[in-house]
């Protein structure tokens, strides 16, 4: 990668974080939910936090009448667990 390409990628990432992504804080609620999910499924710690964050965002969307969240992850095991927890899930590798 060229230095110019690196700068462009970082600028695109900054743009996405500012205008396209909704960042979810790792709160006590997220950690408690991650703990519950890890007790139900064979999850690594950060996978549990990632799934808990998505699950809580999904619940909030449904509560406020918004469409369901789709959990996108390139890990078949994790997308399967997300589906078992009621999330729509999609693996981008299935579309290549």
C-alpha atoms as a PDB file:
ATOM      1  CA  UNK A   1       0.000   0.000   0.000  1.00  0.00           C
ATOM      2  CA  UNK A   2       1.272   3.436  -0.844  1.00  0.00           C
ATOM      3  CA  UNK A   3       1.421   6.200   1.757  1.00  0.00           C
ATOM      4  CA  UNK A   4      -1.237   8.074  -0.235  1.00  0.00           C
ATOM      5  CA  UNK A   5      -3.485   5.017  -0.258  1.00  0.00           C
ATOM      6  CA  UNK A   6      -3.051   4.664   3.495  1.00  0.00           C
ATOM      7  CA  UNK A   7      -4.089   8.304   4.014  1.00  0.00           C
ATOM      8  CA  UNK A   8      -7.156   7.796   1.775  1.00  0.00           C
ATOM      9  CA  UNK A   9      -8.244   4.696   3.664  1.00  0.00           C
ATOM     10  CA  UNK A  10      -7.883   6.448   7.019  1.00  0.00           C
ATOM     11  CA  UNK A  11      -9.890   9.415   5.716  1.00  0.00           C
ATOM     12  CA  UNK A  12     -12.642   7.066   4.512  1.00  0.00           C
ATOM     13  CA  UNK A  13     -12.686   5.320   7.886  1.00  0.00           C
ATOM     14  CA  UNK A  14     -12.918   8.661   9.715  1.00  0.00           C
ATOM     15  CA  UNK A  15     -15.810   9.658   7.447  1.00  0.00           C
ATOM     16  CA  UNK A  16     -17.631   6.387   8.085  1.00  0.00           C
ATOM     17  CA  UNK A  17     -17.187   6.673  11.864  1.00  0.00           C
ATOM     18  CA  UNK A  18     -18.531  10.221  11.770  1.00  0.00           C
ATOM     19  CA  UNK A  19     -21.415   9.883   9.296  1.00  0.00           C
ATOM     20  CA  UNK A  20     -22.286   6.237   8.666  1.00  0.00           C
ATOM     21  CA  UNK A  21     -21.735   4.180  11.811  1.00  0.00           C
ATOM     22  CA  UNK A  22     -23.640   4.223  15.052  1.00  0.00           C
ATOM     23  CA  UNK A  23     -21.094   3.517  17.744  1.00  0.00           C
ATOM     24  CA  UNK A  24     -22.293   1.516  20.731  1.00  0.00           C
ATOM     25  CA  UNK A  25     -20.643   2.120  24.060  1.00  0.00           C
ATOM     26  CA  UNK A  26     -19.562  -0.917  26.063  1.00  0.00           C
ATOM     27  CA  UNK A  27     -21.726  -0.368  29.114  1.00  0.00           C
ATOM     28  CA  UNK A  28     -22.569  -2.542  32.097  1.00  0.00           C
ATOM     29  CA  UNK A  29     -25.719  -3.619  30.234  1.00  0.00           C
ATOM     30  CA  UNK A  30     -23.643  -4.753  27.249  1.00  0.00           C
ATOM     31  CA  UNK A  31     -21.256  -6.673  29.524  1.00  0.00           C
ATOM     32  CA  UNK A  32     -24.131  -8.303  31.432  1.00  0.00           C
ATOM     33  CA  UNK A  33     -25.809  -9.315  28.168  1.00  0.00           C
ATOM     34  CA  UNK A  34     -22.488 -10.641  26.827  1.00  0.00           C
ATOM     35  CA  UNK A  35     -22.119 -12.732  29.979  1.00  0.00           C
ATOM     36  CA  UNK A  36     -25.604 -14.215  29.490  1.00  0.00           C
ATOM     37  CA  UNK A  37     -24.886 -14.990  25.837  1.00  0.00           C
ATOM     38  CA  UNK A  38     -21.542 -16.593  26.715  1.00  0.00           C
ATOM     39  CA  UNK A  39     -23.318 -18.795  29.245  1.00  0.00           C
ATOM     40  CA  UNK A  40     -25.727 -19.983  26.538  1.00  0.00           C
ATOM     41  CA  UNK A  41     -23.265 -20.357  23.658  1.00  0.00           C
ATOM     42  CA  UNK A  42     -19.575 -21.196  23.135  1.00  0.00           C
ATOM     43  CA  UNK A  43     -18.453 -17.588  22.589  1.00  0.00           C
ATOM     44  CA  UNK A  44     -15.083 -15.917  22.920  1.00  0.00           C
ATOM     45  CA  UNK A  45     -15.217 -12.808  25.110  1.00  0.00           C
ATOM     46  CA  UNK A  46     -15.094 -10.192  22.363  1.00  0.00           C
ATOM     47  CA  UNK A  47     -17.528 -12.161  20.183  1.00  0.00           C
ATOM     48  CA  UNK A  48     -19.934 -12.117  23.128  1.00  0.00           C
ATOM     49  CA  UNK A  49     -19.536  -8.331  23.463  1.00  0.00           C
ATOM     50  CA  UNK A  50     -20.034  -7.841  19.724  1.00  0.00           C
ATOM     51  CA  UNK A  51     -23.139 -10.022  19.702  1.00  0.00           C
ATOM     52  CA  UNK A  52     -24.524  -8.431  22.868  1.00  0.00           C
ATOM     53  CA  UNK A  53     -24.124  -4.968  21.346  1.00  0.00           C
ATOM     54  CA  UNK A  54     -25.943  -6.040  18.204  1.00  0.00           C
ATOM     55  CA  UNK A  55     -28.662  -7.862  20.130  1.00  0.00           C
ATOM     56  CA  UNK A  56     -29.345  -4.830  22.343  1.00  0.00           C
ATOM     57  CA  UNK A  57     -29.401  -2.488  19.321  1.00  0.00           C
ATOM     58  CA  UNK A  58     -31.788  -4.898  17.600  1.00  0.00           C
ATOM     59  CA  UNK A  59     -34.110  -4.916  20.625  1.00  0.00           C
ATOM     60  CA  UNK A  60     -34.082  -1.104  20.737  1.00  0.00           C
ATOM     61  CA  UNK A  61     -34.905  -0.895  17.020  1.00  0.00           C
ATOM     62  CA  UNK A  62     -37.851  -3.246  17.446  1.00  0.00           C
ATOM     63  CA  UNK A  63     -39.041  -1.374  20.548  1.00  0.00           C
ATOM     64  CA  UNK A  64     -39.096   1.917  18.629  1.00  0.00           C
ATOM     65  CA  UNK A  65     -40.787   0.486  15.521  1.00  0.00           C
ATOM     66  CA  UNK A  66     -37.711   0.441  13.315  1.00  0.00           C
ATOM     67  CA  UNK A  67     -36.862  -2.491  11.033  1.00  0.00           C
ATOM     68  CA  UNK A  68     -34.808  -5.311  12.555  1.00  0.00           C
ATOM     69  CA  UNK A  69     -31.038  -5.077  12.612  1.00  0.00           C
ATOM     70  CA  UNK A  70     -29.030  -7.457  10.430  1.00  0.00           C
ATOM     71  CA  UNK A  71     -25.908  -8.833  12.109  1.00  0.00           C
ATOM     72  CA  UNK A  72     -23.161  -9.015   9.474  1.00  0.00           C
ATOM     73  CA  UNK A  73     -20.185 -11.179  10.296  1.00  0.00           C
ATOM     74  CA  UNK A  74     -17.777 -13.355   8.312  1.00  0.00           C
ATOM     75  CA  UNK A  75     -17.802 -16.055  11.006  1.00  0.00           C
ATOM     76  CA  UNK A  76     -20.351 -18.796  10.288  1.00  0.00           C
ATOM     77  CA  UNK A  77     -20.382 -19.964  13.900  1.00  0.00           C
ATOM     78  CA  UNK A  78     -21.086 -16.462  15.207  1.00  0.00           C
ATOM     79  CA  UNK A  79     -23.770 -15.745  12.592  1.00  0.00           C
ATOM     80  CA  UNK A  80     -25.429 -19.034  13.546  1.00  0.00           C
ATOM     81  CA  UNK A  81     -25.464 -18.022  17.213  1.00  0.00           C
ATOM     82  CA  UNK A  82     -26.839 -14.599  16.252  1.00  0.00           C
ATOM     83  CA  UNK A  83     -29.673 -16.306  14.373  1.00  0.00           C
ATOM     84  CA  UNK A  84     -30.338 -18.575  17.350  1.00  0.00           C
ATOM     85  CA  UNK A  85     -30.718 -15.391  19.432  1.00  0.00           C
ATOM     86  CA  UNK A  86     -33.321 -13.995  17.027  1.00  0.00           C
ATOM     87  CA  UNK A  87     -31.177 -11.712  14.885  1.00  0.00           C
ATOM     88  CA  UNK A  88     -31.193 -11.628  11.139  1.00  0.00           C
ATOM     89  CA  UNK A  89     -27.631 -12.546  10.214  1.00  0.00           C
ATOM     90  CA  UNK A  90     -25.606 -12.454   7.021  1.00  0.00           C
ATOM     91  CA  UNK A  91     -22.106 -13.617   6.155  1.00  0.00           C
ATOM     92  CA  UNK A  92     -20.628 -11.404   3.398  1.00  0.00           C
ATOM     93  CA  UNK A  93     -18.484 -14.331   2.247  1.00  0.00           C
ATOM     94  CA  UNK A  94     -21.682 -16.014   1.088  1.00  0.00           C
ATOM     95  CA  UNK A  95     -22.032 -13.329  -1.601  1.00  0.00           C
ATOM     96  CA  UNK A  96     -18.652 -13.472  -3.303  1.00  0.00           C
END
